[in-house]
Amino acid sequence: MKKYTGAVFTVLLLFVLPLPLSSAVVDWVTGEVAYSHYKDEWKEVELGMNLGTGDIVKTGIASEAVLLEQGGEIHILENSQFTLSERIENEKQKPTLMLFLGRMKFKLGKGAVEEPEVRTQTVNLAIRGTEFEVGSGFDGSTLVLLSEGSVAVRGKTSELVLIEGEGTEVGFGEEPKEKFRVLERVIDWDEWFTLSEEAVKGNELMLLTRMMEKFDELSYDINEYEKVREEALGKKEALMTKRDESVESGETTQASEYAKEANAEGKTAFHAIINIRFLALSSIGLYDMAERIYTGMEKPSDEVTAVFEKIKAVYGWIEKSYLREGDRERLEETAEKRKGCLTLF
């Protein structure tokens, strides 16, 4: 049996402990509010329960919920669906709230360690101590109304900064360009959602084509992170072998250095998995939108059907690999275990 020094064991223990995952506590519920973990069966949301990364929440007609997250409040309005997620950027964990469809209000705590970002099918909102409202329409459009603080509304290539009392509306697949004064434009949310639903008619092929482009990007990014993960795991294995050899020969200082390097490579691989999961979760709302558009057509053309089948194929691969049969079980296990030795990879 190999004998490991205390220094080596300490490094290895740091390696196997999982990072803390994003979570929110259910503070208030009215009507029909349900949640599903990684597209599993839907269950009733209960007061006081802890929702975490991978939990999808949906509200029915005349139903609402309030979640508490890092000292802030998240109000989920009726007929909405969103999920809690997270990603890694510059070695830092970023909580992410994805609004697939519907409307949400946010009053975020100013003392949060890391303010969450909010994403819709169209934009990414970078927040600074803010109170604001976001809507995501049936056609993928986004409406943002800011009451306090500032929000950077980011598209794929451009950014629009909103300050107190400003709003903006961005179409699906478009870039944020114009903003308006909230007091000068009365927003009837019911009308806005109705218009977003009507905007789908006659534009199905264009919308599905843009969705296919987004799925191509998701697929590419997932494969790139898989390459990073595979390379990091290969380096980690080689370093662990060197560590074992150093321990056997009594070179404990060198063994500790190899263990530290292995820990760093393991962390890189774990971060890659977190970002892959983030991309997989973001695909859920995008596919639901595509399916809703396609099934809402009485007689889809061959061209429309061909595009939807491509979307279905890419999503099927993502779902099988990362939401159901693949990483889901491992990721759930990681989320449930907070301490002790755990083999992540």
Protein backbone atom coordinates (compact mmCIF):
# COMPACT_ATOMS: atom_id res chain seq x y z
CA MET A 1 0.00 0.00 0.00
CA LYS A 2 1.32 3.48 -0.92
CA LYS A 3 2.00 5.87 1.94
CA TYR A 4 1.08 9.49 1.22
CA THR A 5 2.36 12.47 3.14
CA GLY A 6 0.00 14.93 4.80
CA ALA A 7 0.91 17.62 2.23
CA VAL A 8 -0.04 15.41 -0.70
CA PHE A 9 -3.30 14.34 0.91
CA THR A 10 -4.34 17.95 1.57
CA VAL A 11 -3.94 18.85 -2.08
CA LEU A 12 -5.90 15.82 -3.21
CA LEU A 13 -8.72 16.60 -0.80
CA LEU A 14 -9.06 20.06 -2.32
CA PHE A 15 -9.26 18.45 -5.73
CA VAL A 16 -12.16 16.14 -5.01
CA LEU A 17 -14.42 18.64 -3.22
CA PRO A 18 -17.13 20.02 -5.54
CA LEU A 19 -17.65 23.74 -6.03
CA PRO A 20 -20.77 25.26 -4.43
CA LEU A 21 -23.69 25.41 -6.83
CA SER A 22 -26.18 28.23 -7.41
CA SER A 23 -29.40 28.00 -5.43
CA ALA A 24 -32.54 29.95 -4.49
CA VAL A 25 -35.12 29.51 -1.73
CA VAL A 26 -38.86 29.51 -2.46
CA ASP A 27 -40.32 32.35 -0.36
CA TRP A 28 -43.89 32.62 -1.69
CA VAL A 29 -46.20 30.69 -4.05
CA THR A 30 -49.71 31.16 -5.33
CA GLY A 31 -51.59 29.06 -7.89
CA GLU A 32 -49.95 26.29 -9.93
CA VAL A 33 -46.16 26.41 -9.76
CA ALA A 34 -44.06 23.35 -10.62
CA TYR A 35 -40.42 22.44 -11.06
CA SER A 36 -38.48 19.78 -12.91
CA HIS A 37 -34.83 18.83 -12.44
CA TYR A 38 -33.02 18.32 -15.75
CA LYS A 39 -36.32 17.70 -17.56
CA ASP A 40 -37.36 14.98 -15.12
CA GLU A 41 -40.97 14.64 -13.90
CA TRP A 42 -42.77 17.84 -12.85
CA LYS A 43 -43.33 18.28 -9.11
CA GLU A 44 -45.16 20.88 -7.04
CA VAL A 45 -43.04 23.75 -5.72
CA GLU A 46 -43.28 24.09 -1.94
CA LEU A 47 -42.52 26.98 0.39
CA GLY A 48 -39.04 26.91 1.87
CA MET A 49 -37.62 24.43 -0.61
CA ASN A 50 -34.19 25.00 -2.10
CA LEU A 51 -34.02 25.16 -5.91
CA GLY A 52 -30.63 24.63 -7.51
CA THR A 53 -28.78 24.46 -10.78
CA GLY A 54 -30.72 22.49 -13.35
CA ASP A 55 -34.14 23.12 -11.79
CA ILE A 56 -36.71 24.38 -14.30
CA VAL A 57 -39.64 26.32 -12.85
CA LYS A 58 -42.95 27.03 -14.59
CA THR A 59 -46.05 28.93 -13.51
CA GLY A 60 -49.62 28.51 -14.76
CA ILE A 61 -52.46 30.98 -15.31
CA ALA A 62 -52.87 33.43 -12.40
CA SER A 63 -49.88 31.80 -10.68
CA GLU A 64 -46.75 33.40 -9.27
CA ALA A 65 -43.71 32.59 -7.14
CA VAL A 66 -41.04 34.53 -5.31
CA LEU A 67 -37.53 33.16 -4.87
CA LEU A 68 -34.77 34.54 -2.64
CA GLU A 69 -31.27 34.45 -4.10
CA GLN A 70 -28.18 36.03 -2.51
CA GLY A 71 -30.23 38.64 -0.70
CA GLY A 72 -32.32 39.49 -3.74
CA GLU A 73 -35.87 38.69 -4.83
CA ILE A 74 -36.95 36.98 -8.05
CA HIS A 75 -40.64 37.30 -8.91
CA ILE A 76 -41.85 34.76 -11.48
CA LEU A 77 -45.10 35.95 -13.04
CA GLU A 78 -47.85 33.81 -14.58
CA ASN A 79 -47.34 31.60 -17.66
CA SER A 80 -43.57 31.72 -17.32
CA GLN A 81 -40.76 29.20 -17.48
CA PHE A 82 -37.15 29.63 -16.42
CA THR A 83 -34.22 27.71 -15.04
CA LEU A 84 -31.38 28.29 -12.59
CA SER A 85 -27.95 27.69 -14.00
CA GLU A 86 -24.33 28.77 -13.69
CA ARG A 87 -21.23 29.03 -15.81
CA ILE A 88 -17.53 29.64 -15.30
CA GLU A 89 -15.91 32.80 -16.62
CA ASN A 90 -12.30 33.75 -15.87
CA GLU A 91 -12.11 31.07 -13.17
CA LYS A 92 -15.16 32.55 -11.40
CA GLN A 93 -18.58 31.01 -10.90
CA LYS A 94 -21.41 33.13 -12.37
CA PRO A 95 -24.99 32.35 -11.28
CA THR A 96 -27.28 32.54 -14.31
CA LEU A 97 -31.07 32.81 -14.52
CA MET A 98 -32.52 31.77 -17.89
CA LEU A 99 -35.98 33.05 -18.80
CA PHE A 100 -37.34 30.77 -21.53
CA LEU A 101 -40.81 32.30 -21.79
CA GLY A 102 -42.91 34.73 -19.79
CA ARG A 103 -42.13 37.55 -17.40
CA MET A 104 -40.00 38.05 -14.30
CA LYS A 105 -39.22 40.90 -11.91
CA PHE A 106 -35.90 41.19 -10.14
CA LYS A 107 -34.84 43.10 -7.05
CA LEU A 108 -31.28 42.05 -6.51
CA GLY A 109 -29.32 42.38 -3.28
CA LYS A 110 -26.53 44.94 -3.39
CA GLY A 111 -24.35 42.87 -1.11
CA ALA A 112 -24.26 39.77 -3.34
CA VAL A 113 -20.85 38.19 -3.76
CA GLU A 114 -21.50 37.64 -7.46
CA GLU A 115 -24.55 39.27 -9.00
CA PRO A 116 -26.34 36.81 -11.30
CA GLU A 117 -26.71 37.36 -14.98
CA VAL A 118 -30.11 37.01 -16.62
CA ARG A 119 -30.51 35.46 -20.05
CA THR A 120 -33.35 35.15 -22.53
CA GLN A 121 -33.40 33.54 -25.96
CA THR A 122 -32.07 36.82 -27.36
CA VAL A 123 -29.89 38.72 -24.88
CA ASN A 124 -27.68 38.45 -21.82
CA LEU A 125 -28.23 41.01 -19.04
CA ALA A 126 -25.21 42.04 -16.98
CA ILE A 127 -26.53 43.60 -13.77
CA ARG A 128 -25.29 46.13 -11.22
CA GLY A 129 -27.44 46.46 -8.05
CA THR A 130 -30.66 46.56 -9.98
CA GLU A 131 -34.44 46.45 -9.90
CA PHE A 132 -35.88 45.56 -13.29
CA GLU A 133 -38.42 43.55 -15.26
CA VAL A 134 -37.87 41.19 -18.19
CA GLY A 135 -40.25 39.56 -20.65
CA SER A 136 -39.48 36.81 -23.15
CA GLY A 137 -42.09 36.45 -25.91
CA PHE A 138 -43.41 33.58 -28.00
CA ASP A 139 -41.32 34.78 -30.95
CA GLY A 140 -38.14 34.96 -28.87
CA SER A 141 -38.24 38.73 -28.49
CA THR A 142 -37.14 40.35 -25.22
CA LEU A 143 -38.47 43.40 -23.38
CA VAL A 144 -36.43 44.93 -20.52
CA LEU A 145 -37.72 47.68 -18.19
CA LEU A 146 -35.28 49.17 -15.66
CA SER A 147 -36.41 50.81 -12.41
CA GLU A 148 -33.13 51.17 -10.53
CA GLY A 149 -29.41 50.64 -11.11
CA SER A 150 -28.00 49.72 -14.50
CA VAL A 151 -28.18 46.82 -16.92
CA ALA A 152 -25.94 46.04 -19.88
CA VAL A 153 -28.11 44.37 -22.52
CA ARG A 154 -25.74 42.23 -24.56
CA GLY A 155 -26.41 40.59 -27.88
CA LYS A 156 -23.95 38.52 -29.88
CA THR A 157 -21.93 41.49 -31.17
CA SER A 158 -23.20 44.64 -29.45
CA GLU A 159 -24.18 46.03 -26.06
CA LEU A 160 -26.71 48.61 -24.91
CA VAL A 161 -26.48 50.04 -21.39
CA LEU A 162 -29.75 50.96 -19.66
CA ILE A 163 -29.93 53.34 -16.69
CA GLU A 164 -32.79 54.11 -14.32
CA GLY A 165 -36.10 54.66 -16.09
CA GLU A 166 -35.04 53.22 -19.46
CA GLY A 167 -36.15 50.17 -21.42
CA THR A 168 -35.41 48.33 -24.63
CA GLU A 169 -36.99 45.72 -26.88
CA VAL A 170 -34.90 43.26 -28.91
CA GLY A 171 -36.18 40.87 -31.57
CA PHE A 172 -35.06 37.24 -31.68
CA GLY A 173 -31.67 36.93 -33.37
CA GLU A 174 -31.25 40.71 -33.46
CA GLU A 175 -28.88 43.06 -31.62
CA PRO A 176 -29.87 45.59 -28.93
CA LYS A 177 -29.88 49.02 -30.57
CA GLU A 178 -32.54 51.40 -29.30
CA LYS A 179 -33.85 52.32 -25.88
CA PHE A 180 -36.84 54.31 -24.65
CA ARG A 181 -38.02 56.12 -21.52
CA VAL A 182 -40.31 53.83 -19.56
CA LEU A 183 -42.58 56.71 -18.49
CA GLU A 184 -43.17 57.61 -22.14
CA ARG A 185 -44.34 54.13 -23.14
CA VAL A 186 -47.12 52.36 -21.27
CA ILE A 187 -46.52 48.61 -21.35
CA ASP A 188 -49.54 46.33 -21.45
CA TRP A 189 -47.88 42.98 -20.89
CA ASP A 190 -50.89 40.92 -21.99
CA GLU A 191 -50.93 42.82 -25.26
CA TRP A 192 -47.17 42.48 -25.67
CA PHE A 193 -47.33 38.69 -25.30
CA THR A 194 -50.28 38.50 -27.69
CA LEU A 195 -48.37 40.51 -30.27
CA SER A 196 -45.30 38.30 -29.83
CA GLU A 197 -47.46 35.25 -30.49
CA GLU A 198 -48.99 36.82 -33.58
CA ALA A 199 -45.52 37.80 -34.82
CA VAL A 200 -44.70 34.12 -35.27
CA LYS A 201 -47.30 33.70 -38.03
CA GLY A 202 -45.73 34.01 -41.46
CA ASN A 203 -42.23 34.14 -39.97
CA GLU A 204 -41.87 30.50 -38.94
CA LEU A 205 -39.11 29.65 -41.43
CA MET A 206 -37.06 32.71 -40.52
CA LEU A 207 -37.36 32.06 -36.79
CA LEU A 208 -36.58 28.34 -37.09
CA THR A 209 -33.58 29.11 -39.31
CA ARG A 210 -32.21 31.49 -36.68
CA MET A 211 -32.79 28.80 -34.05
CA MET A 212 -30.88 26.31 -36.14
CA GLU A 213 -27.97 28.76 -36.26
CA LYS A 214 -28.08 29.02 -32.47
CA PHE A 215 -28.10 25.21 -32.15
CA ASP A 216 -25.08 25.04 -34.43
CA GLU A 217 -23.30 27.47 -32.11
CA LEU A 218 -24.29 25.44 -29.05
CA SER A 219 -23.04 22.24 -30.65
CA TYR A 220 -19.73 23.85 -31.58
CA ASP A 221 -19.19 25.33 -28.12
CA ILE A 222 -20.04 22.05 -26.38
CA ASN A 223 -17.53 20.17 -28.53
CA GLU A 224 -14.85 22.79 -27.80
CA TYR A 225 -15.37 22.41 -24.06
CA GLU A 226 -15.24 18.64 -24.45
CA LYS A 227 -11.82 19.02 -26.07
CA VAL A 228 -10.65 21.17 -23.16
CA ARG A 229 -11.99 18.62 -20.68
CA GLU A 230 -10.41 15.65 -22.45
CA GLU A 231 -7.02 17.36 -22.67
CA ALA A 232 -7.13 18.40 -19.00
CA LEU A 233 -8.05 14.89 -17.87
CA GLY A 234 -5.18 13.43 -19.91
CA LYS A 235 -2.71 15.81 -18.27
CA LYS A 236 -4.20 15.10 -14.84
CA GLU A 237 -3.77 11.34 -15.28
CA ALA A 238 -0.14 11.76 -16.37
CA LEU A 239 0.59 14.01 -13.39
CA MET A 240 -1.03 11.59 -10.96
CA THR A 241 1.19 8.83 -12.32
CA LYS A 242 4.25 11.01 -11.74
CA ARG A 243 2.98 11.82 -8.25
CA ASP A 244 2.69 8.12 -7.40
CA GLU A 245 6.20 7.45 -8.74
CA SER A 246 7.61 10.33 -6.67
CA VAL A 247 5.90 9.04 -3.52
CA GLU A 248 7.31 5.55 -4.13
CA SER A 249 10.82 6.96 -4.44
CA GLY A 250 10.45 9.13 -1.35
CA GLU A 251 10.43 12.46 -3.20
CA THR A 252 7.55 13.92 -1.21
CA THR A 253 8.17 17.55 -2.17
CA GLN A 254 8.07 16.72 -5.87
CA ALA A 255 5.00 14.51 -5.31
CA SER A 256 3.22 17.44 -3.71
CA GLU A 257 4.03 19.65 -6.72
CA TYR A 258 2.67 17.04 -9.12
CA ALA A 259 -0.48 16.78 -6.99
CA LYS A 260 -0.98 20.54 -7.15
CA GLU A 261 -0.62 20.51 -10.93
CA ALA A 262 -3.05 17.60 -11.16
CA ASN A 263 -5.49 19.54 -9.00
CA ALA A 264 -5.30 22.50 -11.41
CA GLU A 265 -5.98 20.25 -14.42
CA GLY A 266 -8.89 18.61 -12.60
CA LYS A 267 -10.32 22.04 -11.89
CA THR A 268 -10.06 22.93 -15.57
CA ALA A 269 -11.93 19.74 -16.50
CA PHE A 270 -14.62 20.46 -13.88
CA HIS A 271 -15.08 24.02 -15.16
CA ALA A 272 -15.51 22.65 -18.68
CA ILE A 273 -18.29 20.34 -17.45
CA ILE A 274 -20.03 23.25 -15.69
CA ASN A 275 -20.01 25.25 -18.94
CA ILE A 276 -21.21 22.26 -20.97
CA ARG A 277 -24.10 21.85 -18.56
CA PHE A 278 -24.87 25.57 -18.88
CA LEU A 279 -25.06 25.24 -22.67
CA ALA A 280 -27.19 22.10 -22.42
CA LEU A 281 -29.67 23.81 -20.09
CA SER A 282 -29.90 26.81 -22.42
CA SER A 283 -30.92 24.48 -25.25
CA ILE A 284 -34.14 23.44 -23.45
CA GLY A 285 -35.99 26.73 -23.87
CA LEU A 286 -34.71 27.13 -27.40
CA TYR A 287 -36.02 23.71 -28.42
CA ASP A 288 -39.35 24.25 -26.65
CA MET A 289 -39.75 27.45 -28.66
CA ALA A 290 -38.93 25.66 -31.94
CA GLU A 291 -41.34 22.83 -31.17
CA ARG A 292 -44.08 25.28 -30.20
CA ILE A 293 -43.68 27.15 -33.50
CA TYR A 294 -43.56 24.00 -35.62
CA THR A 295 -46.51 22.22 -34.00
CA GLY A 296 -48.53 25.44 -34.17
CA MET A 297 -48.48 25.33 -37.98
CA GLU A 298 -51.39 23.62 -39.74
CA LYS A 299 -49.39 22.59 -42.82
CA PRO A 300 -45.65 23.12 -42.45
CA SER A 301 -43.80 23.33 -45.75
CA ASP A 302 -41.10 20.80 -46.62
CA GLU A 303 -38.49 23.50 -46.05
CA VAL A 304 -39.83 24.31 -42.60
CA THR A 305 -39.99 20.62 -41.71
CA ALA A 306 -36.42 20.06 -42.86
CA VAL A 307 -35.12 22.87 -40.63
CA PHE A 308 -37.12 21.66 -37.63
CA GLU A 309 -35.83 18.09 -38.08
CA LYS A 310 -32.26 19.42 -38.01
CA ILE A 311 -33.01 21.29 -34.79
CA LYS A 312 -34.61 18.18 -33.34
CA ALA A 313 -31.55 16.08 -34.19
CA VAL A 314 -29.07 18.45 -32.52
CA TYR A 315 -31.25 18.88 -29.46
CA GLY A 316 -31.75 15.11 -29.26
CA TRP A 317 -27.98 14.67 -29.08
CA ILE A 318 -27.65 17.34 -26.36
CA GLU A 319 -30.55 15.91 -24.37
CA LYS A 320 -29.27 12.34 -24.52
CA SER A 321 -25.67 13.26 -23.74
CA TYR A 322 -26.10 15.92 -21.09
CA LEU A 323 -29.69 16.08 -19.83
CA ARG A 324 -30.80 12.48 -19.54
CA GLU A 325 -28.54 9.48 -20.09
CA GLY A 326 -25.14 11.16 -19.96
CA ASP A 327 -23.82 13.65 -17.43
CA ARG A 328 -27.08 14.25 -15.63
CA GLU A 329 -26.65 11.52 -13.01
CA ARG A 330 -23.08 12.57 -12.26
CA LEU A 331 -24.01 16.24 -12.01
CA GLU A 332 -26.94 15.51 -9.73
CA GLU A 333 -24.69 13.47 -7.47
CA THR A 334 -22.17 16.32 -7.39
CA ALA A 335 -24.89 18.81 -6.43
CA GLU A 336 -26.15 16.64 -3.58
CA LYS A 337 -22.79 15.93 -1.96
CA ARG A 338 -21.15 18.91 -0.30
CA LYS A 339 -18.27 17.29 1.55
CA GLY A 340 -16.13 14.19 1.67
CA CYS A 341 -14.25 12.47 -1.08
CA LEU A 342 -16.06 12.38 -4.41
CA THR A 343 -14.82 11.19 -7.78
CA LEU A 344 -15.96 13.91 -10.19
CA PHE A 345 -14.53 12.57 -13.39
